Amino acid sequence: MGNIDTVKKNVNQLIGFFSLDPNRVLDITLDSFANQVDNIDPYISLLSEYKGEYVAQQLGFKFQAAQEQL
């Protein structure tokens, strides 16, 4: 679990240092999660840093965009 805590800390520091949009970071994290489904524990831990409604809203946007492409 030490590596996951380090990743969480690094992501938070990058958001702050570069004034990144946390929603965009969440979007990139979800994209990465979708492409790496064989090892989900680190992603679940990282996503737990966000409030549930933010994750749900971001997933809703992704599903809406996917539906519009059909």
PDB file of N, CA and C in Angstrom:
ATOM      1  N   MET A   1       0.810  -1.192   0.000  1.00  0.00           N
ATOM      2  CA  MET A   1       0.000   0.000   0.000  1.00  0.00           C
ATOM      3  C   MET A   1       0.853   1.256   0.000  1.00  0.00           C
ATOM      4  N   GLY A   2       2.117   1.154   0.283  1.00  0.00           N
ATOM      5  CA  GLY A   2       2.995   2.316   0.314  1.00  0.00           C
ATOM      6  C   GLY A   2       3.092   2.999  -1.037  1.00  0.00           C
ATOM      7  N   ASN A   3       3.135   2.214  -2.113  1.00  0.00           N
ATOM      8  CA  ASN A   3       3.215   2.803  -3.446  1.00  0.00           C
ATOM      9  C   ASN A   3       1.946   3.566  -3.800  1.00  0.00           C
ATOM     10  N   ILE A   4       0.803   3.044  -3.415  1.00  0.00           N
ATOM     11  CA  ILE A   4      -0.466   3.711  -3.703  1.00  0.00           C
ATOM     12  C   ILE A   4      -0.529   5.049  -2.970  1.00  0.00           C
ATOM     13  N   ASP A   5      -0.085   5.077  -1.725  1.00  0.00           N
ATOM     14  CA  ASP A   5      -0.069   6.327  -0.968  1.00  0.00           C
ATOM     15  C   ASP A   5       0.878   7.339  -1.608  1.00  0.00           C
ATOM     16  N   THR A   6       1.990   6.873  -2.122  1.00  0.00           N
ATOM     17  CA  THR A   6       2.932   7.750  -2.810  1.00  0.00           C
ATOM     18  C   THR A   6       2.320   8.312  -4.086  1.00  0.00           C
ATOM     19  N   VAL A   7       1.607   7.485  -4.829  1.00  0.00           N
ATOM     20  CA  VAL A   7       0.953   7.948  -6.050  1.00  0.00           C
ATOM     21  C   VAL A   7      -0.107   8.994  -5.715  1.00  0.00           C
ATOM     22  N   LYS A   8      -0.915   8.747  -4.689  1.00  0.00           N
ATOM     23  CA  LYS A   8      -1.923   9.722  -4.270  1.00  0.00           C
ATOM     24  C   LYS A   8      -1.273  11.060  -3.931  1.00  0.00           C
ATOM     25  N   LYS A   9      -0.210  10.992  -3.165  1.00  0.00           N
ATOM     26  CA  LYS A   9       0.497  12.211  -2.767  1.00  0.00           C
ATOM     27  C   LYS A   9       1.054  12.937  -3.981  1.00  0.00           C
ATOM     28  N   ASN A  10       1.659  12.199  -4.896  1.00  0.00           N
ATOM     29  CA  ASN A  10       2.232  12.807  -6.095  1.00  0.00           C
ATOM     30  C   ASN A  10       1.164  13.444  -6.977  1.00  0.00           C
ATOM     31  N   VAL A  11       0.038  12.788  -7.134  1.00  0.00           N
ATOM     32  CA  VAL A  11      -1.045  13.337  -7.957  1.00  0.00           C
ATOM     33  C   VAL A  11      -1.557  14.630  -7.328  1.00  0.00           C
ATOM     34  N   ASN A  12      -1.758  14.628  -6.029  1.00  0.00           N
ATOM     35  CA  ASN A  12      -2.223  15.844  -5.349  1.00  0.00           C
ATOM     36  C   ASN A  12      -1.213  16.976  -5.472  1.00  0.00           C
ATOM     37  N   GLN A  13       0.064  16.657  -5.374  1.00  0.00           N
ATOM     38  CA  GLN A  13       1.095  17.674  -5.511  1.00  0.00           C
ATOM     39  C   GLN A  13       1.157  18.221  -6.938  1.00  0.00           C
ATOM     40  N   LEU A  14       0.990  17.350  -7.929  1.00  0.00           N
ATOM     41  CA  LEU A  14       0.992  17.810  -9.313  1.00  0.00           C
ATOM     42  C   LEU A  14      -0.198  18.710  -9.608  1.00  0.00           C
ATOM     43  N   ILE A  15      -1.358  18.359  -9.062  1.00  0.00           N
ATOM     44  CA  ILE A  15      -2.546  19.198  -9.239  1.00  0.00           C
ATOM     45  C   ILE A  15      -2.273  20.592  -8.677  1.00  0.00           C
ATOM     46  N   GLY A  16      -1.707  20.646  -7.491  1.00  0.00           N
ATOM     47  CA  GLY A  16      -1.434  21.932  -6.853  1.00  0.00           C
ATOM     48  C   GLY A  16      -0.322  22.711  -7.518  1.00  0.00           C
ATOM     49  N   PHE A  17       0.770  22.050  -7.853  1.00  0.00           N
ATOM     50  CA  PHE A  17       1.938  22.737  -8.408  1.00  0.00           C
ATOM     51  C   PHE A  17       1.650  23.323  -9.780  1.00  0.00           C
ATOM     52  N   PHE A  18       0.972  22.560 -10.626  1.00  0.00           N
ATOM     53  CA  PHE A  18       0.705  23.011 -11.989  1.00  0.00           C
ATOM     54  C   PHE A  18      -0.699  23.610 -12.160  1.00  0.00           C
ATOM     55  N   SER A  19      -1.418  23.785 -11.070  1.00  0.00           N
ATOM     56  CA  SER A  19      -2.788  24.321 -11.101  1.00  0.00           C
ATOM     57  C   SER A  19      -3.653  23.552 -12.098  1.00  0.00           C
ATOM     58  N   LEU A  20      -3.556  22.234 -12.025  1.00  0.00           N
ATOM     59  CA  LEU A  20      -4.334  21.381 -12.915  1.00  0.00           C
ATOM     60  C   LEU A  20      -5.790  21.346 -12.469  1.00  0.00           C
ATOM     61  N   ASP A  21      -6.670  21.161 -13.421  1.00  0.00           N
ATOM     62  CA  ASP A  21      -8.090  21.019 -13.122  1.00  0.00           C
ATOM     63  C   ASP A  21      -8.305  19.615 -12.551  1.00  0.00           C
ATOM     64  N   PRO A  22      -8.753  19.504 -11.310  1.00  0.00           N
ATOM     65  CA  PRO A  22      -8.958  18.177 -10.718  1.00  0.00           C
ATOM     66  C   PRO A  22      -9.938  17.312 -11.514  1.00  0.00           C
ATOM     67  N   ASN A  23     -10.923  17.948 -12.166  1.00  0.00           N
ATOM     68  CA  ASN A  23     -11.861  17.178 -12.981  1.00  0.00           C
ATOM     69  C   ASN A  23     -11.167  16.562 -14.187  1.00  0.00           C
ATOM     70  N   ARG A  24     -10.230  17.284 -14.774  1.00  0.00           N
ATOM     71  CA  ARG A  24      -9.477  16.739 -15.914  1.00  0.00           C
ATOM     72  C   ARG A  24      -8.563  15.609 -15.450  1.00  0.00           C
ATOM     73  N   VAL A  25      -7.970  15.769 -14.287  1.00  0.00           N
ATOM     74  CA  VAL A  25      -7.132  14.699 -13.730  1.00  0.00           C
ATOM     75  C   VAL A  25      -7.988  13.464 -13.470  1.00  0.00           C
ATOM     76  N   LEU A  26      -9.194  13.666 -12.961  1.00  0.00           N
ATOM     77  CA  LEU A  26     -10.121  12.554 -12.756  1.00  0.00           C
ATOM     78  C   LEU A  26     -10.460  11.886 -14.078  1.00  0.00           C
ATOM     79  N   ASP A  27     -10.702  12.688 -15.109  1.00  0.00           N
ATOM     80  CA  ASP A  27     -11.012  12.158 -16.439  1.00  0.00           C
ATOM     81  C   ASP A  27      -9.869  11.294 -16.972  1.00  0.00           C
ATOM     82  N   ILE A  28      -8.659  11.766 -16.830  1.00  0.00           N
ATOM     83  CA  ILE A  28      -7.482  11.008 -17.292  1.00  0.00           C
ATOM     84  C   ILE A  28      -7.318   9.735 -16.469  1.00  0.00           C
ATOM     85  N   THR A  29      -7.563   9.828 -15.162  1.00  0.00           N
ATOM     86  CA  THR A  29      -7.469   8.650 -14.297  1.00  0.00           C
ATOM     87  C   THR A  29      -8.491   7.601 -14.715  1.00  0.00           C
ATOM     88  N   LEU A  30      -9.713   8.035 -15.022  1.00  0.00           N
ATOM     89  CA  LEU A  30     -10.749   7.092 -15.465  1.00  0.00           C
ATOM     90  C   LEU A  30     -10.391   6.469 -16.811  1.00  0.00           C
ATOM     91  N   ASP A  31      -9.824   7.253 -17.722  1.00  0.00           N
ATOM     92  CA  ASP A  31      -9.381   6.697 -19.007  1.00  0.00           C
ATOM     93  C   ASP A  31      -8.299   5.649 -18.803  1.00  0.00           C
ATOM     94  N   SER A  32      -7.362   5.961 -17.938  1.00  0.00           N
ATOM     95  CA  SER A  32      -6.293   5.012 -17.642  1.00  0.00           C
ATOM     96  C   SER A  32      -6.849   3.746 -16.996  1.00  0.00           C
ATOM     97  N   PHE A  33      -7.792   3.913 -16.089  1.00  0.00           N
ATOM     98  CA  PHE A  33      -8.445   2.795 -15.421  1.00  0.00           C
ATOM     99  C   PHE A  33      -9.156   1.894 -16.431  1.00  0.00           C
ATOM    100  N   ALA A  34      -9.812   2.495 -17.406  1.00  0.00           N
ATOM    101  CA  ALA A  34     -10.537   1.727 -18.426  1.00  0.00           C
ATOM    102  C   ALA A  34      -9.592   0.904 -19.288  1.00  0.00           C
ATOM    103  N   ASN A  35      -8.371   1.371 -19.441  1.00  0.00           N
ATOM    104  CA  ASN A  35      -7.398   0.662 -20.271  1.00  0.00           C
ATOM    105  C   ASN A  35      -6.515  -0.288 -19.482  1.00  0.00           C
ATOM    106  N   GLN A  36      -6.685  -0.346 -18.168  1.00  0.00           N
ATOM    107  CA  GLN A  36      -5.835  -1.179 -17.317  1.00  0.00           C
ATOM    108  C   GLN A  36      -6.701  -1.952 -16.342  1.00  0.00           C
ATOM    109  N   VAL A  37      -7.624  -2.747 -16.835  1.00  0.00           N
ATOM    110  CA  VAL A  37      -8.607  -3.397 -15.967  1.00  0.00           C
ATOM    111  C   VAL A  37      -8.071  -4.616 -15.219  1.00  0.00           C
ATOM    112  N   ASP A  38      -6.853  -5.035 -15.506  1.00  0.00           N
ATOM    113  CA  ASP A  38      -6.333  -6.223 -14.831  1.00  0.00           C
ATOM    114  C   ASP A  38      -5.776  -5.929 -13.437  1.00  0.00           C
ATOM    115  N   ASN A  39      -5.502  -4.670 -13.119  1.00  0.00           N
ATOM    116  CA  ASN A  39      -4.982  -4.307 -11.797  1.00  0.00           C
ATOM    117  C   ASN A  39      -5.763  -3.098 -11.294  1.00  0.00           C
ATOM    118  N   ILE A  40      -6.930  -3.351 -10.686  1.00  0.00           N
ATOM    119  CA  ILE A  40      -7.830  -2.252 -10.362  1.00  0.00           C
ATOM    120  C   ILE A  40      -7.614  -1.650  -8.972  1.00  0.00           C
ATOM    121  N   ASP A  41      -6.940  -2.348  -8.099  1.00  0.00           N
ATOM    122  CA  ASP A  41      -6.790  -1.864  -6.723  1.00  0.00           C
ATOM    123  C   ASP A  41      -6.171  -0.465  -6.628  1.00  0.00           C
ATOM    124  N   PRO A  42      -5.086  -0.172  -7.348  1.00  0.00           N
ATOM    125  CA  PRO A  42      -4.536   1.186  -7.242  1.00  0.00           C
ATOM    126  C   PRO A  42      -5.519   2.252  -7.729  1.00  0.00           C
ATOM    127  N   TYR A  43      -6.277   1.940  -8.770  1.00  0.00           N
ATOM    128  CA  TYR A  43      -7.231   2.916  -9.295  1.00  0.00           C
ATOM    129  C   TYR A  43      -8.387   3.150  -8.326  1.00  0.00           C
ATOM    130  N   ILE A  44      -8.863   2.089  -7.727  1.00  0.00           N
ATOM    131  CA  ILE A  44      -9.944   2.227  -6.748  1.00  0.00           C
ATOM    132  C   ILE A  44      -9.475   3.096  -5.584  1.00  0.00           C
ATOM    133  N   SER A  45      -8.268   2.870  -5.144  1.00  0.00           N
ATOM    134  CA  SER A  45      -7.722   3.660  -4.047  1.00  0.00           C
ATOM    135  C   SER A  45      -7.552   5.120  -4.458  1.00  0.00           C
ATOM    136  N   LEU A  46      -7.054   5.354  -5.663  1.00  0.00           N
ATOM    137  CA  LEU A  46      -6.863   6.719  -6.146  1.00  0.00           C
ATOM    138  C   LEU A  46      -8.206   7.419  -6.351  1.00  0.00           C
ATOM    139  N   LEU A  47      -9.171   6.709  -6.907  1.00  0.00           N
ATOM    140  CA  LEU A  47     -10.487   7.295  -7.142  1.00  0.00           C
ATOM    141  C   LEU A  47     -11.233   7.578  -5.839  1.00  0.00           C
ATOM    142  N   SER A  48     -10.876   6.874  -4.785  1.00  0.00           N
ATOM    143  CA  SER A  48     -11.532   7.112  -3.495  1.00  0.00           C
ATOM    144  C   SER A  48     -11.170   8.480  -2.923  1.00  0.00           C
ATOM    145  N   GLU A  49     -10.153   9.117  -3.468  1.00  0.00           N
ATOM    146  CA  GLU A  49      -9.779  10.459  -3.039  1.00  0.00           C
ATOM    147  C   GLU A  49     -10.803  11.502  -3.486  1.00  0.00           C
ATOM    148  N   TYR A  50     -11.568  11.181  -4.514  1.00  0.00           N
ATOM    149  CA  TYR A  50     -12.568  12.097  -5.043  1.00  0.00           C
ATOM    150  C   TYR A  50     -13.913  11.806  -4.392  1.00  0.00           C
ATOM    151  N   LYS A  51     -14.733  12.832  -4.285  1.00  0.00           N
ATOM    152  CA  LYS A  51     -16.090  12.627  -3.780  1.00  0.00           C
ATOM    153  C   LYS A  51     -16.862  11.791  -4.784  1.00  0.00           C
ATOM    154  N   GLY A  52     -17.727  10.945  -4.276  1.00  0.00           N
ATOM    155  CA  GLY A  52     -18.490  10.031  -5.120  1.00  0.00           C
ATOM    156  C   GLY A  52     -19.298  10.731  -6.191  1.00  0.00           C
ATOM    157  N   GLU A  53     -19.871  11.903  -5.872  1.00  0.00           N
ATOM    158  CA  GLU A  53     -20.678  12.592  -6.874  1.00  0.00           C
ATOM    159  C   GLU A  53     -19.837  13.122  -8.019  1.00  0.00           C
ATOM    160  N   TYR A  54     -18.561  13.458  -7.754  1.00  0.00           N
ATOM    161  CA  TYR A  54     -17.689  13.921  -8.834  1.00  0.00           C
ATOM    162  C   TYR A  54     -17.366  12.775  -9.794  1.00  0.00           C
ATOM    163  N   VAL A  55     -17.086  11.616  -9.224  1.00  0.00           N
ATOM    164  CA  VAL A  55     -16.797  10.447 -10.059  1.00  0.00           C
ATOM    165  C   VAL A  55     -18.036  10.069 -10.862  1.00  0.00           C
ATOM    166  N   ALA A  56     -19.188  10.074 -10.221  1.00  0.00           N
ATOM    167  CA  ALA A  56     -20.439   9.730 -10.912  1.00  0.00           C
ATOM    168  C   ALA A  56     -20.732  10.726 -12.027  1.00  0.00           C
ATOM    169  N   GLN A  57     -20.513  11.998 -11.774  1.00  0.00           N
ATOM    170  CA  GLN A  57     -20.770  13.012 -12.793  1.00  0.00           C
ATOM    171  C   GLN A  57     -19.818  12.848 -13.975  1.00  0.00           C
ATOM    172  N   GLN A  58     -18.564  12.593 -13.692  1.00  0.00           N
ATOM    173  CA  GLN A  58     -17.577  12.409 -14.766  1.00  0.00           C
ATOM    174  C   GLN A  58     -17.909  11.157 -15.583  1.00  0.00           C
ATOM    175  N   LEU A  59     -18.311  10.092 -14.920  1.00  0.00           N
ATOM    176  CA  LEU A  59     -18.713   8.887 -15.638  1.00  0.00           C
ATOM    177  C   LEU A  59     -19.949   9.148 -16.491  1.00  0.00           C
ATOM    178  N   GLY A  60     -20.870   9.949 -15.971  1.00  0.00           N
ATOM    179  CA  GLY A  60     -22.053  10.319 -16.744  1.00  0.00           C
ATOM    180  C   GLY A  60     -21.692  11.048 -18.020  1.00  0.00           C
ATOM    181  N   PHE A  61     -20.741  11.978 -17.930  1.00  0.00           N
ATOM    182  CA  PHE A  61     -20.282  12.692 -19.129  1.00  0.00           C
ATOM    183  C   PHE A  61     -19.657  11.727 -20.130  1.00  0.00           C
ATOM    184  N   LYS A  62     -18.883  10.780 -19.630  1.00  0.00           N
ATOM    185  CA  LYS A  62     -18.245   9.809 -20.519  1.00  0.00           C
ATOM    186  C   LYS A  62     -19.285   8.914 -21.197  1.00  0.00           C
ATOM    187  N   PHE A  63     -20.272   8.468 -20.442  1.00  0.00           N
ATOM    188  CA  PHE A  63     -21.325   7.639 -21.030  1.00  0.00           C
ATOM    189  C   PHE A  63     -22.142   8.427 -22.039  1.00  0.00           C
ATOM    190  N   GLN A  64     -22.418   9.686 -21.744  1.00  0.00           N
ATOM    191  CA  GLN A  64     -23.167  10.521 -22.668  1.00  0.00           C
ATOM    192  C   GLN A  64     -22.405  10.710 -23.967  1.00  0.00           C
ATOM    193  N   ALA A  65     -21.126  10.970 -23.877  1.00  0.00           N
ATOM    194  CA  ALA A  65     -20.300  11.135 -25.077  1.00  0.00           C
ATOM    195  C   ALA A  65     -20.247   9.847 -25.885  1.00  0.00           C
ATOM    196  N   ALA A  66     -20.140   8.714 -25.201  1.00  0.00           N
ATOM    197  CA  ALA A  66     -20.103   7.426 -25.902  1.00  0.00           C
ATOM    198  C   ALA A  66     -21.440   7.153 -26.594  1.00  0.00           C
ATOM    199  N   GLN A  67     -22.537   7.505 -25.944  1.00  0.00           N
ATOM    200  CA  GLN A  67     -23.868   7.300 -26.529  1.00  0.00           C
ATOM    201  C   GLN A  67     -24.059   8.174 -27.757  1.00  0.00           C
ATOM    202  N   GLU A  68     -23.552   9.390 -27.714  1.00  0.00           N
ATOM    203  CA  GLU A  68     -23.685  10.311 -28.855  1.00  0.00           C
ATOM    204  C   GLU A  68     -22.889   9.842 -30.054  1.00  0.00           C
ATOM    205  N   GLN A  69     -21.823   9.053 -29.820  1.00  0.00           N
ATOM    206  CA  GLN A  69     -21.008   8.546 -30.930  1.00  0.00           C
ATOM    207  C   GLN A  69     -21.660   7.385 -31.635  1.00  0.00           C
ATOM    208  N   LEU A  70     -22.660   6.763 -31.018  1.00  0.00           N
ATOM    209  CA  LEU A  70     -23.326   5.607 -31.626  1.00  0.00           C
ATOM    210  C   LEU A  70     -24.270   6.004 -32.724  1.00  0.00           C
TER     211      LEU A  70
END
